[in-house]
PDB file of all heavy atoms in Angstrom:
ATOM      1  N   VAL A   1     -10.901  11.941 -11.748  1.00  0.00           N
ATOM      2  CA  VAL A   1     -12.269  12.461 -11.660  1.00  0.00           C
ATOM      3  C   VAL A   1     -12.157  13.970 -11.254  1.00  0.00           C
ATOM      4  O   VAL A   1     -11.286  14.382 -10.529  1.00  0.00           O
ATOM      5  CB  VAL A   1     -13.111  11.770 -10.589  1.00  0.00           C
ATOM      6  CG1 VAL A   1     -13.484  10.338 -11.033  1.00  0.00           C
ATOM      7  CG2 VAL A   1     -12.419  11.727  -9.256  1.00  0.00           C
ATOM      8  N   ALA A   2     -13.033  14.773 -11.826  1.00  0.00           N
ATOM      9  CA  ALA A   2     -12.963  16.200 -11.560  1.00  0.00           C
ATOM     10  C   ALA A   2     -13.841  16.509 -10.370  1.00  0.00           C
ATOM     11  O   ALA A   2     -15.018  16.185 -10.346  1.00  0.00           O
ATOM     12  CB  ALA A   2     -13.607  17.034 -12.802  1.00  0.00           C
ATOM     13  N   VAL A   3     -13.218  17.033  -9.353  1.00  0.00           N
ATOM     14  CA  VAL A   3     -13.861  17.413  -8.074  1.00  0.00           C
ATOM     15  C   VAL A   3     -14.276  18.840  -8.144  1.00  0.00           C
ATOM     16  O   VAL A   3     -13.330  19.738  -8.276  1.00  0.00           O
ATOM     17  CB  VAL A   3     -12.992  17.089  -6.890  1.00  0.00           C
ATOM     18  CG1 VAL A   3     -13.681  17.540  -5.548  1.00  0.00           C
ATOM     19  CG2 VAL A   3     -12.640  15.620  -6.852  1.00  0.00           C
ATOM     20  N   ASP A   4     -15.572  19.214  -7.999  1.00  0.00           N
ATOM     21  CA  ASP A   4     -15.966  20.614  -8.073  1.00  0.00           C
ATOM     22  C   ASP A   4     -15.915  21.275  -6.728  1.00  0.00           C
ATOM     23  O   ASP A   4     -15.643  22.476  -6.648  1.00  0.00           O
ATOM     24  CB  ASP A   4     -17.426  20.693  -8.676  1.00  0.00           C
ATOM     25  CG  ASP A   4     -17.448  20.056 -10.121  1.00  0.00           C
ATOM     26  OD1 ASP A   4     -16.909  20.676 -10.943  1.00  0.00           O
ATOM     27  OD2 ASP A   4     -17.944  18.864 -10.209  1.00  0.00           O
ATOM     28  N   TYR A   5     -16.191  20.578  -5.720  1.00  0.00           N
ATOM     29  CA  TYR A   5     -16.232  21.126  -4.336  1.00  0.00           C
ATOM     30  C   TYR A   5     -15.508  20.131  -3.365  1.00  0.00           C
ATOM     31  O   TYR A   5     -15.858  19.024  -3.261  1.00  0.00           O
ATOM     32  CB  TYR A   5     -17.676  21.258  -3.776  1.00  0.00           C
ATOM     33  CG  TYR A   5     -18.528  22.115  -4.691  1.00  0.00           C
ATOM     34  CD1 TYR A   5     -19.473  21.509  -5.578  1.00  0.00           C
ATOM     35  CD2 TYR A   5     -18.390  23.545  -4.660  1.00  0.00           C
ATOM     36  CE1 TYR A   5     -20.196  22.233  -6.372  1.00  0.00           C
ATOM     37  CE2 TYR A   5     -19.230  24.323  -5.491  1.00  0.00           C
ATOM     38  CZ  TYR A   5     -20.128  23.660  -6.304  1.00  0.00           C
ATOM     39  OH  TYR A   5     -20.894  24.499  -7.219  1.00  0.00           O
ATOM     40  N   ASN A   6     -14.341  20.591  -2.830  1.00  0.00           N
ATOM     41  CA  ASN A   6     -13.473  19.661  -2.019  1.00  0.00           C
ATOM     42  C   ASN A   6     -13.332  20.176  -0.646  1.00  0.00           C
ATOM     43  O   ASN A   6     -13.002  21.410  -0.512  1.00  0.00           O
ATOM     44  CB  ASN A   6     -12.113  19.681  -2.807  1.00  0.00           C
ATOM     45  CG  ASN A   6     -11.220  18.540  -2.317  1.00  0.00           C
ATOM     46  OD1 ASN A   6     -11.493  17.937  -1.302  1.00  0.00           O
ATOM     47  ND2 ASN A   6     -10.173  18.311  -3.045  1.00  0.00           N
ATOM     48  N   GLY A   7     -13.569  19.348   0.289  1.00  0.00           N
ATOM     49  CA  GLY A   7     -13.385  19.712   1.652  1.00  0.00           C
ATOM     50  C   GLY A   7     -11.863  19.814   2.051  1.00  0.00           C
ATOM     51  O   GLY A   7     -11.281  20.880   2.271  1.00  0.00           O
ATOM     52  N   PHE A   8     -11.159  18.691   2.062  1.00  0.00           N
ATOM     53  CA  PHE A   8      -9.812  18.620   2.478  1.00  0.00           C
ATOM     54  C   PHE A   8      -9.051  17.621   1.580  1.00  0.00           C
ATOM     55  O   PHE A   8      -9.590  16.580   1.283  1.00  0.00           O
ATOM     56  CB  PHE A   8      -9.608  18.163   3.894  1.00  0.00           C
ATOM     57  CG  PHE A   8     -10.331  18.998   4.998  1.00  0.00           C
ATOM     58  CD1 PHE A   8     -11.713  18.629   5.302  1.00  0.00           C
ATOM     59  CD2 PHE A   8      -9.772  20.046   5.535  1.00  0.00           C
ATOM     60  CE1 PHE A   8     -12.311  19.473   6.238  1.00  0.00           C
ATOM     61  CE2 PHE A   8     -10.408  20.803   6.493  1.00  0.00           C
ATOM     62  CZ  PHE A   8     -11.714  20.511   6.838  1.00  0.00           C
ATOM     63  N   VAL A   9      -7.835  17.964   1.260  1.00  0.00           N
ATOM     64  CA  VAL A   9      -6.884  16.962   0.672  1.00  0.00           C
ATOM     65  C   VAL A   9      -6.156  16.422   1.780  1.00  0.00           C
ATOM     66  O   VAL A   9      -5.574  17.042   2.646  1.00  0.00           O
ATOM     67  CB  VAL A   9      -5.979  17.651  -0.396  1.00  0.00           C
ATOM     68  CG1 VAL A   9      -4.916  16.775  -0.861  1.00  0.00           C
ATOM     69  CG2 VAL A   9      -6.710  18.320  -1.549  1.00  0.00           C
ATOM     70  N   VAL A  10      -6.145  15.050   1.813  1.00  0.00           N
ATOM     71  CA  VAL A  10      -5.471  14.279   2.867  1.00  0.00           C
ATOM     72  C   VAL A  10      -4.452  13.414   2.444  1.00  0.00           C
ATOM     73  O   VAL A  10      -4.495  12.969   1.209  1.00  0.00           O
ATOM     74  CB  VAL A  10      -6.550  13.556   3.764  1.00  0.00           C
ATOM     75  CG1 VAL A  10      -7.543  14.543   4.441  1.00  0.00           C
ATOM     76  CG2 VAL A  10      -7.332  12.553   2.853  1.00  0.00           C
ATOM     77  N   PRO A  11      -3.448  13.031   3.191  1.00  0.00           N
ATOM     78  CA  PRO A  11      -2.449  12.100   2.809  1.00  0.00           C
ATOM     79  C   PRO A  11      -2.960  10.736   2.745  1.00  0.00           C
ATOM     80  O   PRO A  11      -4.118  10.344   3.162  1.00  0.00           O
ATOM     81  CB  PRO A  11      -1.369  12.234   3.929  1.00  0.00           C
ATOM     82  CG  PRO A  11      -2.139  12.636   5.096  1.00  0.00           C
ATOM     83  CD  PRO A  11      -3.273  13.587   4.552  1.00  0.00           C
ATOM     84  N   ASN A  12      -2.197   9.838   2.164  1.00  0.00           N
ATOM     85  CA  ASN A  12      -2.546   8.455   1.956  1.00  0.00           C
ATOM     86  C   ASN A  12      -2.532   7.674   3.281  1.00  0.00           C
ATOM     87  O   ASN A  12      -1.679   6.781   3.488  1.00  0.00           O
ATOM     88  CB  ASN A  12      -1.793   7.776   0.938  1.00  0.00           C
ATOM     89  CG  ASN A  12      -2.243   6.427   0.508  1.00  0.00           C
ATOM     90  OD1 ASN A  12      -3.396   6.048   0.827  1.00  0.00           O
ATOM     91  ND2 ASN A  12      -1.326   5.625  -0.067  1.00  0.00           N
ATOM     92  N   LYS A  13      -3.475   7.999   4.196  1.00  0.00           N
ATOM     93  CA  LYS A  13      -3.598   7.224   5.422  1.00  0.00           C
ATOM     94  C   LYS A  13      -5.087   6.741   5.543  1.00  0.00           C
ATOM     95  O   LYS A  13      -5.970   7.379   4.962  1.00  0.00           O
ATOM     96  CB  LYS A  13      -3.356   8.195   6.617  1.00  0.00           C
ATOM     97  CG  LYS A  13      -2.001   8.570   6.650  1.00  0.00           C
ATOM     98  CD  LYS A  13      -1.696   9.432   7.944  1.00  0.00           C
ATOM     99  CE  LYS A  13      -0.213   9.787   8.011  1.00  0.00           C
ATOM    100  NZ  LYS A  13       0.134  10.455   9.318  1.00  0.00           N
ATOM    101  N   PHE A  14      -5.326   5.743   6.259  1.00  0.00           N
ATOM    102  CA  PHE A  14      -6.598   5.162   6.485  1.00  0.00           C
ATOM    103  C   PHE A  14      -7.346   5.992   7.469  1.00  0.00           C
ATOM    104  O   PHE A  14      -6.962   6.080   8.665  1.00  0.00           O
ATOM    105  CB  PHE A  14      -6.496   3.693   6.889  1.00  0.00           C
ATOM    106  CG  PHE A  14      -7.885   3.025   6.956  1.00  0.00           C
ATOM    107  CD1 PHE A  14      -8.378   2.479   5.729  1.00  0.00           C
ATOM    108  CD2 PHE A  14      -8.591   2.988   8.044  1.00  0.00           C
ATOM    109  CE1 PHE A  14      -9.609   1.884   5.725  1.00  0.00           C
ATOM    110  CE2 PHE A  14      -9.906   2.416   7.961  1.00  0.00           C
ATOM    111  CZ  PHE A  14     -10.312   1.830   6.844  1.00  0.00           C
ATOM    112  N   VAL A  15      -8.415   6.642   7.059  1.00  0.00           N
ATOM    113  CA  VAL A  15      -9.067   7.654   7.915  1.00  0.00           C
ATOM    114  C   VAL A  15     -10.491   7.158   8.313  1.00  0.00           C
ATOM    115  O   VAL A  15     -11.071   6.292   7.633  1.00  0.00           O
ATOM    116  CB  VAL A  15      -9.261   9.020   7.201  1.00  0.00           C
ATOM    117  CG1 VAL A  15      -7.906   9.672   7.009  1.00  0.00           C
ATOM    118  CG2 VAL A  15      -9.999   8.854   5.847  1.00  0.00           C
ATOM    119  N   ILE A  16     -10.871   7.587   9.501  1.00  0.00           N
ATOM    120  CA  ILE A  16     -12.223   7.144  10.011  1.00  0.00           C
ATOM    121  C   ILE A  16     -12.948   8.400  10.564  1.00  0.00           C
ATOM    122  O   ILE A  16     -12.323   9.453  10.670  1.00  0.00           O
ATOM    123  CB  ILE A  16     -12.034   6.136  11.164  1.00  0.00           C
ATOM    124  CG1 ILE A  16     -11.130   6.805  12.225  1.00  0.00           C
ATOM    125  CG2 ILE A  16     -11.488   4.831  10.672  1.00  0.00           C
ATOM    126  CD1 ILE A  16     -11.021   6.004  13.574  1.00  0.00           C
ATOM    127  N   GLY A  17     -14.147   8.218  10.831  1.00  0.00           N
ATOM    128  CA  GLY A  17     -14.993   9.353  11.372  1.00  0.00           C
ATOM    129  C   GLY A  17     -15.721  10.056  10.342  1.00  0.00           C
ATOM    130  O   GLY A  17     -15.449   9.943   9.162  1.00  0.00           O
ATOM    131  N   TYR A  18     -16.760  10.787  10.787  1.00  0.00           N
ATOM    132  CA  TYR A  18     -17.594  11.532   9.859  1.00  0.00           C
ATOM    133  C   TYR A  18     -18.126  10.659   8.699  1.00  0.00           C
ATOM    134  O   TYR A  18     -18.165  11.155   7.537  1.00  0.00           O
ATOM    135  CB  TYR A  18     -16.889  12.773   9.352  1.00  0.00           C
ATOM    136  CG  TYR A  18     -17.798  14.030   9.477  1.00  0.00           C
ATOM    137  CD1 TYR A  18     -17.754  14.753  10.675  1.00  0.00           C
ATOM    138  CD2 TYR A  18     -18.693  14.399   8.548  1.00  0.00           C
ATOM    139  CE1 TYR A  18     -18.602  15.859  10.828  1.00  0.00           C
ATOM    140  CE2 TYR A  18     -19.518  15.457   8.692  1.00  0.00           C
ATOM    141  CZ  TYR A  18     -19.451  16.170   9.847  1.00  0.00           C
ATOM    142  OH  TYR A  18     -20.324  17.218  10.038  1.00  0.00           O
ATOM    143  N   GLY A  19     -18.490   9.402   8.980  1.00  0.00           N
ATOM    144  CA  GLY A  19     -19.012   8.563   7.981  1.00  0.00           C
ATOM    145  C   GLY A  19     -18.087   7.519   7.562  1.00  0.00           C
ATOM    146  O   GLY A  19     -18.449   6.423   7.026  1.00  0.00           O
ATOM    147  N   MET A  20     -16.838   7.698   7.687  1.00  0.00           N
ATOM    148  CA  MET A  20     -15.887   6.736   7.203  1.00  0.00           C
ATOM    149  C   MET A  20     -15.595   5.725   8.344  1.00  0.00           C
ATOM    150  O   MET A  20     -15.480   6.110   9.524  1.00  0.00           O
ATOM    151  CB  MET A  20     -14.541   7.364   6.776  1.00  0.00           C
ATOM    152  CG  MET A  20     -14.832   8.229   5.481  1.00  0.00           C
ATOM    153  SD  MET A  20     -13.604   9.476   5.156  1.00  0.00           S
ATOM    154  CE  MET A  20     -14.340  10.696   6.262  1.00  0.00           C
ATOM    155  N   ASP A  21     -15.427   4.435   8.007  1.00  0.00           N
ATOM    156  CA  ASP A  21     -15.405   3.426   9.029  1.00  0.00           C
ATOM    157  C   ASP A  21     -14.217   2.586   8.932  1.00  0.00           C
ATOM    158  O   ASP A  21     -13.490   2.591   7.950  1.00  0.00           O
ATOM    159  CB  ASP A  21     -16.593   2.499   8.892  1.00  0.00           C
ATOM    160  CG  ASP A  21     -16.598   1.690   7.618  1.00  0.00           C
ATOM    161  OD1 ASP A  21     -16.593   2.219   6.539  1.00  0.00           O
ATOM    162  OD2 ASP A  21     -16.501   0.454   7.865  1.00  0.00           O
ATOM    163  N   TYR A  22     -14.014   1.835   9.965  1.00  0.00           N
ATOM    164  CA  TYR A  22     -13.103   0.678   9.999  1.00  0.00           C
ATOM    165  C   TYR A  22     -13.917  -0.451  10.503  1.00  0.00           C
ATOM    166  O   TYR A  22     -14.343  -0.504  11.684  1.00  0.00           O
ATOM    167  CB  TYR A  22     -11.898   0.982  10.992  1.00  0.00           C
ATOM    168  CG  TYR A  22     -11.054  -0.272  11.308  1.00  0.00           C
ATOM    169  CD1 TYR A  22     -10.270  -0.785  10.176  1.00  0.00           C
ATOM    170  CD2 TYR A  22     -10.913  -0.824  12.477  1.00  0.00           C
ATOM    171  CE1 TYR A  22      -9.489  -1.882  10.458  1.00  0.00           C
ATOM    172  CE2 TYR A  22     -10.146  -1.899  12.681  1.00  0.00           C
ATOM    173  CZ  TYR A  22      -9.369  -2.371  11.710  1.00  0.00           C
ATOM    174  OH  TYR A  22      -8.564  -3.550  11.947  1.00  0.00           O
ATOM    175  N   GLU A  23     -14.173  -1.459   9.690  1.00  0.00           N
ATOM    176  CA  GLU A  23     -14.936  -2.622  10.004  1.00  0.00           C
ATOM    177  C   GLU A  23     -16.340  -2.180  10.557  1.00  0.00           C
ATOM    178  O   GLU A  23     -16.835  -2.714  11.531  1.00  0.00           O
ATOM    179  CB  GLU A  23     -14.219  -3.559  10.930  1.00  0.00           C
ATOM    180  CG  GLU A  23     -12.982  -4.140  10.279  1.00  0.00           C
ATOM    181  CD  GLU A  23     -12.307  -5.073  11.258  1.00  0.00           C
ATOM    182  OE1 GLU A  23     -12.491  -5.059  12.458  1.00  0.00           O
ATOM    183  OE2 GLU A  23     -11.333  -5.753  10.745  1.00  0.00           O
ATOM    184  N   GLN A  24     -16.983  -1.176   9.847  1.00  0.00           N
ATOM    185  CA  GLN A  24     -18.277  -0.682  10.215  1.00  0.00           C
ATOM    186  C   GLN A  24     -18.280   0.123  11.614  1.00  0.00           C
ATOM    187  O   GLN A  24     -19.372   0.467  12.002  1.00  0.00           O
ATOM    188  CB  GLN A  24     -19.362  -1.682  10.250  1.00  0.00           C
ATOM    189  CG  GLN A  24     -19.515  -2.383   8.855  1.00  0.00           C
ATOM    190  CD  GLN A  24     -19.881  -1.365   7.765  1.00  0.00           C
ATOM    191  OE1 GLN A  24     -20.566  -0.414   7.959  1.00  0.00           O
ATOM    192  NE2 GLN A  24     -19.458  -1.625   6.590  1.00  0.00           N
ATOM    193  N   ARG A  25     -17.193   0.395  12.150  1.00  0.00           N
ATOM    194  CA  ARG A  25     -17.148   1.106  13.358  1.00  0.00           C
ATOM    195  C   ARG A  25     -16.523   2.517  13.114  1.00  0.00           C
ATOM    196  O   ARG A  25     -15.880   2.687  12.131  1.00  0.00           O
ATOM    197  CB  ARG A  25     -16.279   0.471  14.498  1.00  0.00           C
ATOM    198  CG  ARG A  25     -16.921  -0.921  14.870  1.00  0.00           C
ATOM    199  CD  ARG A  25     -16.101  -1.625  15.932  1.00  0.00           C
ATOM    200  NE  ARG A  25     -14.830  -1.877  15.333  1.00  0.00           N
ATOM    201  CZ  ARG A  25     -13.627  -2.071  16.002  1.00  0.00           C
ATOM    202  NH1 ARG A  25     -13.679  -1.873  17.338  1.00  0.00           N
ATOM    203  NH2 ARG A  25     -12.470  -2.286  15.421  1.00  0.00           N
ATOM    204  N   TYR A  26     -16.821   3.393  14.030  1.00  0.00           N
ATOM    205  CA  TYR A  26     -16.187   4.830  14.018  1.00  0.00           C
ATOM    206  C   TYR A  26     -16.822   5.780  13.081  1.00  0.00           C
ATOM    207  O   TYR A  26     -16.407   6.937  13.013  1.00  0.00           O
ATOM    208  CB  TYR A  26     -14.634   4.769  13.748  1.00  0.00           C
ATOM    209  CG  TYR A  26     -13.971   3.929  14.734  1.00  0.00           C
ATOM    210  CD1 TYR A  26     -13.323   2.752  14.296  1.00  0.00           C
ATOM    211  CD2 TYR A  26     -13.949   4.139  16.072  1.00  0.00           C
ATOM    212  CE1 TYR A  26     -12.528   1.980  15.081  1.00  0.00           C
ATOM    213  CE2 TYR A  26     -13.251   3.328  17.037  1.00  0.00           C
ATOM    214  CZ  TYR A  26     -12.560   2.217  16.474  1.00  0.00           C
ATOM    215  OH  TYR A  26     -11.899   1.446  17.320  1.00  0.00           O
ATOM    216  N   ARG A  27     -17.896   5.365  12.302  1.00  0.00           N
ATOM    217  CA  ARG A  27     -18.581   6.326  11.392  1.00  0.00           C
ATOM    218  C   ARG A  27     -19.069   7.546  12.213  1.00  0.00           C
ATOM    219  O   ARG A  27     -19.088   8.622  11.688  1.00  0.00           O
ATOM    220  CB  ARG A  27     -19.784   5.633  10.734  1.00  0.00           C
ATOM    221  CG  ARG A  27     -19.364   4.653   9.664  1.00  0.00           C
ATOM    222  CD  ARG A  27     -20.664   4.232   8.908  1.00  0.00           C
ATOM    223  NE  ARG A  27     -20.466   2.992   8.156  1.00  0.00           N
ATOM    224  CZ  ARG A  27     -19.866   2.994   6.937  1.00  0.00           C
ATOM    225  NH1 ARG A  27     -19.504   4.084   6.352  1.00  0.00           N
ATOM    226  NH2 ARG A  27     -19.781   1.866   6.241  1.00  0.00           N
ATOM    227  N   ASN A  28     -19.512   7.396  13.406  1.00  0.00           N
ATOM    228  CA  ASN A  28     -20.192   8.395  14.152  1.00  0.00           C
ATOM    229  C   ASN A  28     -19.220   9.262  14.871  1.00  0.00           C
ATOM    230  O   ASN A  28     -19.711  10.235  15.530  1.00  0.00           O
ATOM    231  CB  ASN A  28     -21.156   7.772  15.182  1.00  0.00           C
ATOM    232  CG  ASN A  28     -20.327   6.908  16.203  1.00  0.00           C
ATOM    233  OD1 ASN A  28     -19.409   6.162  15.896  1.00  0.00           O
ATOM    234  ND2 ASN A  28     -20.801   6.974  17.491  1.00  0.00           N
ATOM    235  N   LEU A  29     -17.964   9.194  14.660  1.00  0.00           N
ATOM    236  CA  LEU A  29     -16.991  10.212  15.205  1.00  0.00           C
ATOM    237  C   LEU A  29     -17.310  11.503  14.589  1.00  0.00           C
ATOM    238  O   LEU A  29     -17.389  11.575  13.317  1.00  0.00           O
ATOM    239  CB  LEU A  29     -15.562   9.761  14.986  1.00  0.00           C
ATOM    240  CG  LEU A  29     -15.101   8.494  15.712  1.00  0.00           C
ATOM    241  CD1 LEU A  29     -13.693   8.227  15.358  1.00  0.00           C
ATOM    242  CD2 LEU A  29     -15.218   8.631  17.233  1.00  0.00           C
ATOM    243  N   PRO A  30     -17.290  12.672  15.339  1.00  0.00           N
ATOM    244  CA  PRO A  30     -17.568  13.984  14.803  1.00  0.00           C
ATOM    245  C   PRO A  30     -16.341  14.703  14.156  1.00  0.00           C
ATOM    246  O   PRO A  30     -16.371  15.832  13.784  1.00  0.00           O
ATOM    247  CB  PRO A  30     -18.042  14.772  16.004  1.00  0.00           C
ATOM    248  CG  PRO A  30     -17.353  14.124  17.199  1.00  0.00           C
ATOM    249  CD  PRO A  30     -17.243  12.724  16.745  1.00  0.00           C
TER     250      PRO A  30
END
């Protein structure tokens, strides 16, 4: 997929915060 605006390239790790969750938790981390 062509990404036009990209924040950060990250390694293949399970990330949380800023909307991303683990079992619906941690989305609200800033």
